[in-house]
Amino acid sequence: MKRVIHKIKQQPIHIRETIVWTSAVIVFLFVGTIWFVDFQEDTYALLNPREVQEQDTVVAENDDPSPFSALLSSVGGLKDQISDFFSKIKDQEVETQEERAPQSLPLSD
């Protein structure tokens, strides 16, 4: 990114102005398109409130979990699996420590 900015700074002033205006138009078109689509949806909802209410009712009756609730349930399940894993490891360590009989150390002559 620094190289691009450095190359733009090295260009003559009329080229830099063209780049600035082109960038401004592209950003304006992007933001304007998003605004227009959102405004169109809001206008449709204002002009047709019954259809929007029916669509909301259908969505509310659908039993599919939302993406966030599915993600939270997955994370909760992962948390349970990790805690079970570490508790099993701890139990195995306790069992192996109890099973080991003391051994005598070899003596060096």
Protein backbone atom coordinates (compact mmCIF):
# COMPACT_ATOMS: atom_id res chain seq x y z
CA MET A 1 0.00 0.00 0.00
CA LYS A 2 2.87 2.35 0.76
CA ARG A 3 4.33 1.67 -2.68
CA VAL A 4 1.05 2.58 -4.35
CA ILE A 5 0.81 5.84 -2.41
CA HIS A 6 4.45 6.62 -3.17
CA LYS A 7 3.90 6.01 -6.89
CA ILE A 8 0.80 8.23 -6.84
CA LYS A 9 2.79 11.01 -5.16
CA GLN A 10 5.37 10.81 -7.95
CA GLN A 11 2.73 11.37 -10.66
CA PRO A 12 2.02 14.83 -12.12
CA ILE A 13 -0.75 16.87 -10.51
CA HIS A 14 -3.33 16.24 -13.26
CA ILE A 15 -2.90 12.45 -12.88
CA ARG A 16 -3.27 12.70 -9.09
CA GLU A 17 -6.45 14.76 -9.49
CA THR A 18 -7.85 12.16 -11.89
CA ILE A 19 -7.09 9.38 -9.40
CA VAL A 20 -8.75 11.32 -6.57
CA TRP A 21 -11.91 12.06 -8.57
CA THR A 22 -12.14 8.49 -9.85
CA SER A 23 -11.78 7.15 -6.29
CA ALA A 24 -14.41 9.59 -5.03
CA VAL A 25 -16.89 8.56 -7.74
CA ILE A 26 -16.35 4.85 -7.05
CA VAL A 27 -16.87 5.32 -3.30
CA PHE A 28 -19.94 7.50 -3.91
CA LEU A 29 -21.46 4.91 -6.25
CA PHE A 30 -20.83 2.11 -3.74
CA VAL A 31 -22.33 4.01 -0.80
CA GLY A 32 -25.19 5.32 -2.96
CA THR A 33 -26.07 1.81 -4.15
CA ILE A 34 -26.20 0.48 -0.60
CA TRP A 35 -28.30 3.45 0.49
CA PHE A 36 -30.69 3.06 -2.46
CA VAL A 37 -31.25 -0.66 -1.84
CA ASP A 38 -31.92 -0.05 1.85
CA PHE A 39 -34.25 2.86 1.05
CA GLN A 40 -36.10 0.70 -1.48
CA GLU A 41 -36.66 -2.04 1.12
CA ASP A 42 -37.87 0.49 3.69
CA THR A 43 -40.25 2.09 1.19
CA TYR A 44 -41.67 -1.31 0.24
CA ALA A 45 -42.21 -2.11 3.93
CA LEU A 46 -44.01 1.19 4.46
CA LEU A 47 -46.27 0.74 1.44
CA ASN A 48 -47.06 -2.94 2.06
CA PRO A 49 -47.20 -3.49 5.83
CA ARG A 50 -49.40 -6.61 5.66
CA GLU A 51 -47.04 -8.50 3.38
CA VAL A 52 -44.09 -7.62 5.59
CA GLN A 53 -46.00 -8.76 8.68
CA GLU A 54 -46.85 -12.05 6.97
CA GLN A 55 -43.21 -12.58 6.04
CA ASP A 56 -42.18 -11.84 9.63
CA THR A 57 -44.74 -14.35 10.88
CA VAL A 58 -43.40 -17.03 8.54
CA VAL A 59 -39.85 -16.33 9.70
CA ALA A 60 -40.93 -16.41 13.36
CA GLU A 61 -42.70 -19.76 12.88
CA ASN A 62 -39.62 -21.31 11.28
CA ASP A 63 -37.85 -23.50 13.85
CA ASP A 64 -34.39 -23.13 12.32
CA PRO A 65 -31.98 -21.67 14.85
CA SER A 66 -30.33 -18.39 14.03
CA PRO A 67 -26.66 -18.53 13.06
CA PHE A 68 -25.62 -16.96 16.35
CA SER A 69 -27.57 -19.45 18.46
CA ALA A 70 -26.11 -22.33 16.44
CA LEU A 71 -22.63 -20.90 16.96
CA LEU A 72 -23.18 -20.48 20.69
CA SER A 73 -24.45 -24.04 21.06
CA SER A 74 -21.40 -25.31 19.15
CA VAL A 75 -19.07 -23.35 21.40
CA GLY A 76 -20.89 -24.68 24.47
CA GLY A 77 -20.51 -28.25 23.21
CA LEU A 78 -16.84 -27.65 22.50
CA LYS A 79 -16.37 -26.30 26.02
CA ASP A 80 -17.96 -29.44 27.47
CA GLN A 81 -15.77 -31.69 25.33
CA ILE A 82 -12.60 -29.90 26.36
CA SER A 83 -13.49 -30.03 30.05
CA ASP A 84 -14.31 -33.77 29.74
CA PHE A 85 -10.99 -34.37 27.99
CA PHE A 86 -8.96 -32.65 30.70
CA SER A 87 -10.90 -34.33 33.51
CA LYS A 88 -10.19 -37.75 31.93
CA ILE A 89 -6.50 -36.92 31.68
CA LYS A 90 -6.45 -35.86 35.32
CA ASP A 91 -8.26 -39.06 36.36
CA GLN A 92 -5.75 -41.17 34.40
CA GLU A 93 -2.83 -39.40 36.08
CA VAL A 94 -4.30 -40.08 39.51
CA GLU A 95 -4.90 -43.76 38.64
CA THR A 96 -1.38 -44.25 37.30
CA GLN A 97 0.13 -42.62 40.38
CA GLU A 98 -1.90 -44.93 42.65
CA GLU A 99 -0.98 -48.06 40.65
CA ARG A 100 2.77 -47.48 40.70
CA ALA A 101 4.60 -49.32 43.41
CA PRO A 102 7.71 -47.76 44.85
CA GLN A 103 10.83 -49.13 43.23
CA SER A 104 14.30 -49.20 44.60
CA LEU A 105 16.89 -47.19 42.79
CA PRO A 106 19.86 -48.94 41.26
CA LEU A 107 23.01 -48.52 43.28
CA SER A 108 26.18 -47.58 41.62
CA ASP A 109 29.25 -49.57 42.72
